[in-house]
Amino acid sequence: MRRARTTGGCGDLEAEAFRTGRTLADHSEELAAIRKQQRTAFGNIDSLADAIGTPGDRSIAQRLDSIERVLFALARAQGIDPDAV
């Protein structure tokens, strides 16, 4: 067993071990909080993906392009030039 070289003896080693343990516990708690945030974020992303469509459906870009074309057609039908707005 290794002896402490400091004048405090085992007390210094015990204090250092306690500080190290506390630091590890703090980091562990922070990591758990980060993991919880990631799970929430990934769940939100999954929900958004489900709302947009299922795999194999048209891409978001294709959907937005279709919406844009419909809106432009509606504007033109009402006598509005969408390029001038």
PDB file of N, CA and C in Angstrom:
ATOM      1  N   MET A   1       0.847  -1.179   0.000  1.00  0.00           N
ATOM      2  CA  MET A   1       0.000   0.000   0.000  1.00  0.00           C
ATOM      3  C   MET A   1       0.886   1.234   0.000  1.00  0.00           C
ATOM      4  N   ARG A   2       0.503   2.211  -0.765  1.00  0.00           N
ATOM      5  CA  ARG A   2       1.283   3.429  -0.901  1.00  0.00           C
ATOM      6  C   ARG A   2       0.973   4.395   0.236  1.00  0.00           C
ATOM      7  N   ARG A   3       1.980   4.996   0.793  1.00  0.00           N
ATOM      8  CA  ARG A   3       1.791   5.940   1.885  1.00  0.00           C
ATOM      9  C   ARG A   3       1.738   7.363   1.339  1.00  0.00           C
ATOM     10  N   ALA A   4       1.014   8.186   2.034  1.00  0.00           N
ATOM     11  CA  ALA A   4       0.923   9.588   1.650  1.00  0.00           C
ATOM     12  C   ALA A   4       2.242  10.283   1.925  1.00  0.00           C
ATOM     13  N   ARG A   5       2.659  11.127   1.006  1.00  0.00           N
ATOM     14  CA  ARG A   5       3.905  11.850   1.190  1.00  0.00           C
ATOM     15  C   ARG A   5       3.674  13.231   1.785  1.00  0.00           C
ATOM     16  N   THR A   6       2.441  13.582   1.962  1.00  0.00           N
ATOM     17  CA  THR A   6       2.160  14.902   2.506  1.00  0.00           C
ATOM     18  C   THR A   6       2.153  14.851   4.024  1.00  0.00           C
ATOM     19  N   THR A   7       2.172  15.981   4.633  1.00  0.00           N
ATOM     20  CA  THR A   7       2.206  16.023   6.092  1.00  0.00           C
ATOM     21  C   THR A   7       0.861  15.670   6.691  1.00  0.00           C
ATOM     22  N   GLY A   8      -0.203  15.753   5.929  1.00  0.00           N
ATOM     23  CA  GLY A   8      -1.526  15.454   6.442  1.00  0.00           C
ATOM     24  C   GLY A   8      -1.814  13.971   6.521  1.00  0.00           C
ATOM     25  N   GLY A   9      -1.020  13.150   5.895  1.00  0.00           N
ATOM     26  CA  GLY A   9      -1.212  11.704   5.937  1.00  0.00           C
ATOM     27  C   GLY A   9      -2.470  11.262   5.240  1.00  0.00           C
ATOM     28  N   CYS A  10      -3.148  10.311   5.830  1.00  0.00           N
ATOM     29  CA  CYS A  10      -4.348   9.716   5.223  1.00  0.00           C
ATOM     30  C   CYS A  10      -5.481  10.718   5.070  1.00  0.00           C
ATOM     31  N   GLY A  11      -5.523  11.704   5.931  1.00  0.00           N
ATOM     32  CA  GLY A  11      -6.582  12.709   5.839  1.00  0.00           C
ATOM     33  C   GLY A  11      -6.577  13.416   4.502  1.00  0.00           C
ATOM     34  N   ASP A  12      -5.369  13.757   4.013  1.00  0.00           N
ATOM     35  CA  ASP A  12      -5.271  14.419   2.714  1.00  0.00           C
ATOM     36  C   ASP A  12      -5.734  13.501   1.591  1.00  0.00           C
ATOM     37  N   LEU A  13      -5.342  12.246   1.663  1.00  0.00           N
ATOM     38  CA  LEU A  13      -5.757  11.290   0.631  1.00  0.00           C
ATOM     39  C   LEU A  13      -7.254  11.061   0.661  1.00  0.00           C
ATOM     40  N   GLU A  14      -7.814  10.984   1.866  1.00  0.00           N
ATOM     41  CA  GLU A  14      -9.258  10.786   1.982  1.00  0.00           C
ATOM     42  C   GLU A  14     -10.008  12.001   1.450  1.00  0.00           C
ATOM     43  N   ALA A  15      -9.507  13.186   1.750  1.00  0.00           N
ATOM     44  CA  ALA A  15     -10.145  14.405   1.258  1.00  0.00           C
ATOM     45  C   ALA A  15     -10.087  14.464  -0.261  1.00  0.00           C
ATOM     46  N   GLU A  16      -8.924  14.116  -0.815  1.00  0.00           N
ATOM     47  CA  GLU A  16      -8.777  14.116  -2.272  1.00  0.00           C
ATOM     48  C   GLU A  16      -9.694  13.072  -2.912  1.00  0.00           C
ATOM     49  N   ALA A  17      -9.791  11.890  -2.301  1.00  0.00           N
ATOM     50  CA  ALA A  17     -10.670  10.841  -2.811  1.00  0.00           C
ATOM     51  C   ALA A  17     -12.129  11.301  -2.762  1.00  0.00           C
ATOM     52  N   PHE A  18     -12.498  11.997  -1.685  1.00  0.00           N
ATOM     53  CA  PHE A  18     -13.858  12.499  -1.561  1.00  0.00           C
ATOM     54  C   PHE A  18     -14.140  13.533  -2.647  1.00  0.00           C
ATOM     55  N   ARG A  19     -13.204  14.462  -2.876  1.00  0.00           N
ATOM     56  CA  ARG A  19     -13.381  15.483  -3.912  1.00  0.00           C
ATOM     57  C   ARG A  19     -13.492  14.845  -5.292  1.00  0.00           C
ATOM     58  N   THR A  20     -12.661  13.857  -5.547  1.00  0.00           N
ATOM     59  CA  THR A  20     -12.702  13.158  -6.835  1.00  0.00           C
ATOM     60  C   THR A  20     -14.040  12.443  -7.006  1.00  0.00           C
ATOM     61  N   GLY A  21     -14.487  11.783  -5.967  1.00  0.00           N
ATOM     62  CA  GLY A  21     -15.776  11.095  -6.014  1.00  0.00           C
ATOM     63  C   GLY A  21     -16.917  12.060  -6.233  1.00  0.00           C
ATOM     64  N   ARG A  22     -16.849  13.204  -5.571  1.00  0.00           N
ATOM     65  CA  ARG A  22     -17.892  14.215  -5.729  1.00  0.00           C
ATOM     66  C   ARG A  22     -17.902  14.762  -7.158  1.00  0.00           C
ATOM     67  N   THR A  23     -16.699  14.998  -7.700  1.00  0.00           N
ATOM     68  CA  THR A  23     -16.589  15.492  -9.072  1.00  0.00           C
ATOM     69  C   THR A  23     -17.177  14.474 -10.044  1.00  0.00           C
ATOM     70  N   LEU A  24     -16.859  13.214  -9.842  1.00  0.00           N
ATOM     71  CA  LEU A  24     -17.404  12.167 -10.719  1.00  0.00           C
ATOM     72  C   LEU A  24     -18.922  12.092 -10.604  1.00  0.00           C
ATOM     73  N   ALA A  25     -19.432  12.245  -9.389  1.00  0.00           N
ATOM     74  CA  ALA A  25     -20.884  12.218  -9.197  1.00  0.00           C
ATOM     75  C   ALA A  25     -21.534  13.406  -9.901  1.00  0.00           C
ATOM     76  N   ASP A  26     -20.909  14.580  -9.794  1.00  0.00           N
ATOM     77  CA  ASP A  26     -21.442  15.770 -10.479  1.00  0.00           C
ATOM     78  C   ASP A  26     -21.468  15.554 -11.989  1.00  0.00           C
ATOM     79  N   HIS A  27     -20.378  15.030 -12.526  1.00  0.00           N
ATOM     80  CA  HIS A  27     -20.316  14.776 -13.966  1.00  0.00           C
ATOM     81  C   HIS A  27     -21.352  13.740 -14.384  1.00  0.00           C
ATOM     82  N   SER A  28     -21.558  12.758 -13.553  1.00  0.00           N
ATOM     83  CA  SER A  28     -22.543  11.719 -13.851  1.00  0.00           C
ATOM     84  C   SER A  28     -23.946  12.320 -13.908  1.00  0.00           C
ATOM     85  N   GLU A  29     -24.246  13.220 -12.972  1.00  0.00           N
ATOM     86  CA  GLU A  29     -25.557  13.883 -12.970  1.00  0.00           C
ATOM     87  C   GLU A  29     -25.725  14.754 -14.212  1.00  0.00           C
ATOM     88  N   GLU A  30     -24.682  15.476 -14.584  1.00  0.00           N
ATOM     89  CA  GLU A  30     -24.743  16.318 -15.784  1.00  0.00           C
ATOM     90  C   GLU A  30     -24.951  15.462 -17.028  1.00  0.00           C
ATOM     91  N   LEU A  31     -24.258  14.344 -17.099  1.00  0.00           N
ATOM     92  CA  LEU A  31     -24.393  13.448 -18.240  1.00  0.00           C
ATOM     93  C   LEU A  31     -25.811  12.885 -18.319  1.00  0.00           C
ATOM     94  N   ALA A  32     -26.386  12.542 -17.181  1.00  0.00           N
ATOM     95  CA  ALA A  32     -27.760  12.038 -17.159  1.00  0.00           C
ATOM     96  C   ALA A  32     -28.735  13.102 -17.656  1.00  0.00           C
ATOM     97  N   ALA A  33     -28.511  14.355 -17.259  1.00  0.00           N
ATOM     98  CA  ALA A  33     -29.375  15.454 -17.720  1.00  0.00           C
ATOM     99  C   ALA A  33     -29.252  15.652 -19.226  1.00  0.00           C
ATOM    100  N   ILE A  34     -28.033  15.568 -19.737  1.00  0.00           N
ATOM    101  CA  ILE A  34     -27.811  15.715 -21.180  1.00  0.00           C
ATOM    102  C   ILE A  34     -28.500  14.586 -21.938  1.00  0.00           C
ATOM    103  N   ARG A  35     -28.386  13.371 -21.424  1.00  0.00           N
ATOM    104  CA  ARG A  35     -29.044  12.233 -22.087  1.00  0.00           C
ATOM    105  C   ARG A  35     -30.562  12.423 -22.118  1.00  0.00           C
ATOM    106  N   LYS A  36     -31.115  12.948 -21.026  1.00  0.00           N
ATOM    107  CA  LYS A  36     -32.561  13.185 -20.976  1.00  0.00           C
ATOM    108  C   LYS A  36     -32.953  14.226 -22.017  1.00  0.00           C
ATOM    109  N   GLN A  37     -32.161  15.293 -22.128  1.00  0.00           N
ATOM    110  CA  GLN A  37     -32.440  16.322 -23.123  1.00  0.00           C
ATOM    111  C   GLN A  37     -32.359  15.754 -24.539  1.00  0.00           C
ATOM    112  N   GLN A  38     -31.377  14.892 -24.775  1.00  0.00           N
ATOM    113  CA  GLN A  38     -31.240  14.281 -26.100  1.00  0.00           C
ATOM    114  C   GLN A  38     -32.434  13.395 -26.420  1.00  0.00           C
ATOM    115  N   ARG A  39     -32.884  12.605 -25.445  1.00  0.00           N
ATOM    116  CA  ARG A  39     -34.049  11.747 -25.673  1.00  0.00           C
ATOM    117  C   ARG A  39     -35.273  12.592 -26.032  1.00  0.00           C
ATOM    118  N   THR A  40     -35.446  13.706 -25.320  1.00  0.00           N
ATOM    119  CA  THR A  40     -36.567  14.595 -25.605  1.00  0.00           C
ATOM    120  C   THR A  40     -36.446  15.179 -27.005  1.00  0.00           C
ATOM    121  N   ALA A  41     -35.249  15.650 -27.350  1.00  0.00           N
ATOM    122  CA  ALA A  41     -35.034  16.247 -28.675  1.00  0.00           C
ATOM    123  C   ALA A  41     -35.273  15.229 -29.780  1.00  0.00           C
ATOM    124  N   PHE A  42     -34.726  14.030 -29.618  1.00  0.00           N
ATOM    125  CA  PHE A  42     -34.918  13.010 -30.646  1.00  0.00           C
ATOM    126  C   PHE A  42     -36.380  12.613 -30.750  1.00  0.00           C
ATOM    127  N   GLY A  43     -37.086  12.592 -29.630  1.00  0.00           N
ATOM    128  CA  GLY A  43     -38.518  12.302 -29.657  1.00  0.00           C
ATOM    129  C   GLY A  43     -39.282  13.364 -30.422  1.00  0.00           C
ATOM    130  N   ASN A  44     -38.890  14.641 -30.216  1.00  0.00           N
ATOM    131  CA  ASN A  44     -39.524  15.735 -30.951  1.00  0.00           C
ATOM    132  C   ASN A  44     -39.250  15.623 -32.442  1.00  0.00           C
ATOM    133  N   ILE A  45     -38.037  15.273 -32.794  1.00  0.00           N
ATOM    134  CA  ILE A  45     -37.684  15.114 -34.212  1.00  0.00           C
ATOM    135  C   ILE A  45     -38.498  13.983 -34.831  1.00  0.00           C
ATOM    136  N   ASP A  46     -38.628  12.878 -34.099  1.00  0.00           N
ATOM    137  CA  ASP A  46     -39.429  11.761 -34.604  1.00  0.00           C
ATOM    138  C   ASP A  46     -40.889  12.179 -34.806  1.00  0.00           C
ATOM    139  N   SER A  47     -41.414  12.960 -33.862  1.00  0.00           N
ATOM    140  CA  SER A  47     -42.802  13.420 -33.989  1.00  0.00           C
ATOM    141  C   SER A  47     -42.974  14.314 -35.206  1.00  0.00           C
ATOM    142  N   LEU A  48     -42.020  15.206 -35.423  1.00  0.00           N
ATOM    143  CA  LEU A  48     -42.084  16.068 -36.599  1.00  0.00           C
ATOM    144  C   LEU A  48     -41.998  15.258 -37.882  1.00  0.00           C
ATOM    145  N   ALA A  49     -41.116  14.284 -37.892  1.00  0.00           N
ATOM    146  CA  ALA A  49     -40.975  13.442 -39.084  1.00  0.00           C
ATOM    147  C   ALA A  49     -42.271  12.684 -39.353  1.00  0.00           C
ATOM    148  N   ASP A  50     -42.919  12.202 -38.287  1.00  0.00           N
ATOM    149  CA  ASP A  50     -44.189  11.494 -38.462  1.00  0.00           C
ATOM    150  C   ASP A  50     -45.268  12.437 -38.991  1.00  0.00           C
ATOM    151  N   ALA A  51     -45.246  13.680 -38.539  1.00  0.00           N
ATOM    152  CA  ALA A  51     -46.248  14.647 -38.985  1.00  0.00           C
ATOM    153  C   ALA A  51     -46.048  15.024 -40.447  1.00  0.00           C
ATOM    154  N   ILE A  52     -44.800  15.057 -40.880  1.00  0.00           N
ATOM    155  CA  ILE A  52     -44.491  15.444 -42.258  1.00  0.00           C
ATOM    156  C   ILE A  52     -44.836  14.329 -43.229  1.00  0.00           C
ATOM    157  N   GLY A  53     -44.541  13.123 -42.875  1.00  0.00           N
ATOM    158  CA  GLY A  53     -44.840  12.008 -43.770  1.00  0.00           C
ATOM    159  C   GLY A  53     -44.072  10.772 -43.392  1.00  0.00           C
ATOM    160  N   THR A  54     -44.373   9.728 -44.090  1.00  0.00           N
ATOM    161  CA  THR A  54     -43.724   8.455 -43.822  1.00  0.00           C
ATOM    162  C   THR A  54     -42.621   8.225 -44.847  1.00  0.00           C
ATOM    163  N   PRO A  55     -41.694   7.339 -44.526  1.00  0.00           N
ATOM    164  CA  PRO A  55     -40.641   7.032 -45.497  1.00  0.00           C
ATOM    165  C   PRO A  55     -41.261   6.566 -46.809  1.00  0.00           C
ATOM    166  N   GLY A  56     -40.714   7.064 -47.904  1.00  0.00           N
ATOM    167  CA  GLY A  56     -41.244   6.717 -49.220  1.00  0.00           C
ATOM    168  C   GLY A  56     -42.167   7.783 -49.768  1.00  0.00           C
ATOM    169  N   ASP A  57     -42.678   8.642 -48.873  1.00  0.00           N
ATOM    170  CA  ASP A  57     -43.489   9.770 -49.339  1.00  0.00           C
ATOM    171  C   ASP A  57     -42.585  10.773 -50.032  1.00  0.00           C
ATOM    172  N   ARG A  58     -43.214  11.785 -50.603  1.00  0.00           N
ATOM    173  CA  ARG A  58     -42.432  12.838 -51.243  1.00  0.00           C
ATOM    174  C   ARG A  58     -41.581  13.556 -50.197  1.00  0.00           C
ATOM    175  N   SER A  59     -40.472  14.087 -50.642  1.00  0.00           N
ATOM    176  CA  SER A  59     -39.592  14.812 -49.725  1.00  0.00           C
ATOM    177  C   SER A  59     -40.239  16.128 -49.313  1.00  0.00           C
ATOM    178  N   ILE A  60     -39.705  16.730 -48.259  1.00  0.00           N
ATOM    179  CA  ILE A  60     -40.219  18.013 -47.790  1.00  0.00           C
ATOM    180  C   ILE A  60     -40.093  19.060 -48.897  1.00  0.00           C
ATOM    181  N   ALA A  61     -38.969  19.054 -49.588  1.00  0.00           N
ATOM    182  CA  ALA A  61     -38.754  20.022 -50.670  1.00  0.00           C
ATOM    183  C   ALA A  61     -39.831  19.872 -51.745  1.00  0.00           C
ATOM    184  N   GLN A  62     -40.167  18.631 -52.089  1.00  0.00           N
ATOM    185  CA  GLN A  62     -41.200  18.401 -53.096  1.00  0.00           C
ATOM    186  C   GLN A  62     -42.560  18.880 -52.600  1.00  0.00           C
ATOM    187  N   ARG A  63     -42.844  18.636 -51.324  1.00  0.00           N
ATOM    188  CA  ARG A  63     -44.117  19.080 -50.755  1.00  0.00           C
ATOM    189  C   ARG A  63     -44.203  20.599 -50.754  1.00  0.00           C
ATOM    190  N   LEU A  64     -43.117  21.255 -50.335  1.00  0.00           N
ATOM    191  CA  LEU A  64     -43.116  22.723 -50.309  1.00  0.00           C
ATOM    192  C   LEU A  64     -43.249  23.292 -51.713  1.00  0.00           C
ATOM    193  N   ASP A  65     -42.608  22.658 -52.672  1.00  0.00           N
ATOM    194  CA  ASP A  65     -42.717  23.101 -54.068  1.00  0.00           C
ATOM    195  C   ASP A  65     -44.167  23.007 -54.538  1.00  0.00           C
ATOM    196  N   SER A  66     -44.838  21.936 -54.195  1.00  0.00           N
ATOM    197  CA  SER A  66     -46.244  21.763 -54.580  1.00  0.00           C
ATOM    198  C   SER A  66     -47.108  22.840 -53.928  1.00  0.00           C
ATOM    199  N   ILE A  67     -46.869  23.101 -52.652  1.00  0.00           N
ATOM    200  CA  ILE A  67     -47.639  24.130 -51.950  1.00  0.00           C
ATOM    201  C   ILE A  67     -47.412  25.488 -52.600  1.00  0.00           C
ATOM    202  N   GLU A  68     -46.159  25.774 -52.927  1.00  0.00           N
ATOM    203  CA  GLU A  68     -45.837  27.057 -53.568  1.00  0.00           C
ATOM    204  C   GLU A  68     -46.578  27.192 -54.900  1.00  0.00           C
ATOM    205  N   ARG A  69     -46.579  26.133 -55.703  1.00  0.00           N
ATOM    206  CA  ARG A  69     -47.260  26.190 -56.999  1.00  0.00           C
ATOM    207  C   ARG A  69     -48.762  26.428 -56.831  1.00  0.00           C
ATOM    208  N   VAL A  70     -49.363  25.773 -55.840  1.00  0.00           N
ATOM    209  CA  VAL A  70     -50.804  25.948 -55.588  1.00  0.00           C
ATOM    210  C   VAL A  70     -51.084  27.380 -55.142  1.00  0.00           C
ATOM    211  N   LEU A  71     -50.267  27.905 -54.233  1.00  0.00           N
ATOM    212  CA  LEU A  71     -50.480  29.275 -53.766  1.00  0.00           C
ATOM    213  C   LEU A  71     -50.300  30.296 -54.891  1.00  0.00           C
ATOM    214  N   PHE A  72     -49.306  30.073 -55.731  1.00  0.00           N
ATOM    215  CA  PHE A  72     -49.098  30.976 -56.868  1.00  0.00           C
ATOM    216  C   PHE A  72     -50.292  30.917 -57.817  1.00  0.00           C
ATOM    217  N   ALA A  73     -50.805  29.719 -58.063  1.00  0.00           N
ATOM    218  CA  ALA A  73     -51.961  29.574 -58.950  1.00  0.00           C
ATOM    219  C   ALA A  73     -53.185  30.274 -58.358  1.00  0.00           C
ATOM    220  N   LEU A  74     -53.397  30.138 -57.057  1.00  0.00           N
ATOM    221  CA  LEU A  74     -54.514  30.815 -56.405  1.00  0.00           C
ATOM    222  C   LEU A  74     -54.361  32.328 -56.485  1.00  0.00           C
ATOM    223  N   ALA A  75     -53.166  32.817 -56.282  1.00  0.00           N
ATOM    224  CA  ALA A  75     -52.911  34.259 -56.353  1.00  0.00           C
ATOM    225  C   ALA A  75     -53.204  34.775 -57.760  1.00  0.00           C
ATOM    226  N   ARG A  76     -52.719  34.072 -58.764  1.00  0.00           N
ATOM    227  CA  ARG A  76     -52.945  34.488 -60.152  1.00  0.00           C
ATOM    228  C   ARG A  76     -54.434  34.464 -60.494  1.00  0.00           C
ATOM    229  N   ALA A  77     -55.148  33.461 -59.974  1.00  0.00           N
ATOM    230  CA  ALA A  77     -56.598  33.366 -60.229  1.00  0.00           C
ATOM    231  C   ALA A  77     -57.331  34.544 -59.614  1.00  0.00           C
ATOM    232  N   GLN A  78     -56.775  35.157 -58.592  1.00  0.00           N
ATOM    233  CA  GLN A  78     -57.384  36.326 -57.949  1.00  0.00           C
ATOM    234  C   GLN A  78     -56.828  37.630 -58.510  1.00  0.00           C
ATOM    235  N   GLY A  79     -56.023  37.533 -59.568  1.00  0.00           N
ATOM    236  CA  GLY A  79     -55.473  38.723 -60.192  1.00  0.00           C
ATOM    237  C   GLY A  79     -54.259  39.303 -59.484  1.00  0.00           C
ATOM    238  N   ILE A  80     -53.621  38.502 -58.659  1.00  0.00           N
ATOM    239  CA  ILE A  80     -52.426  38.944 -57.926  1.00  0.00           C
ATOM    240  C   ILE A  80     -51.206  38.336 -58.582  1.00  0.00           C
ATOM    241  N   ASP A  81     -50.210  39.175 -58.854  1.00  0.00           N
ATOM    242  CA  ASP A  81     -48.954  38.670 -59.412  1.00  0.00           C
ATOM    243  C   ASP A  81     -48.032  38.310 -58.244  1.00  0.00           C
ATOM    244  N   PRO A  82     -47.841  37.008 -57.965  1.00  0.00           N
ATOM    245  CA  PRO A  82     -47.042  36.610 -56.797  1.00  0.00           C
ATOM    246  C   PRO A  82     -45.576  37.034 -56.903  1.00  0.00           C
ATOM    247  N   ASP A  83     -45.082  37.239 -58.109  1.00  0.00           N
ATOM    248  CA  ASP A  83     -43.677  37.659 -58.270  1.00  0.00           C
ATOM    249  C   ASP A  83     -43.495  39.120 -57.902  1.00  0.00           C
ATOM    250  N   ALA A  84     -44.597  39.892 -57.946  1.00  0.00           N
ATOM    251  CA  ALA A  84     -44.514  41.320 -57.647  1.00  0.00           C
ATOM    252  C   ALA A  84     -44.696  41.596 -56.153  1.00  0.00           C
ATOM    253  N   VAL A  85     -45.155  40.625 -55.423  1.00  0.00           N
ATOM    254  CA  VAL A  85     -45.441  40.842 -53.994  1.00  0.00           C
ATOM    255  C   VAL A  85     -44.190  40.757 -53.174  1.00  0.00           C
TER     256      VAL A  85
END
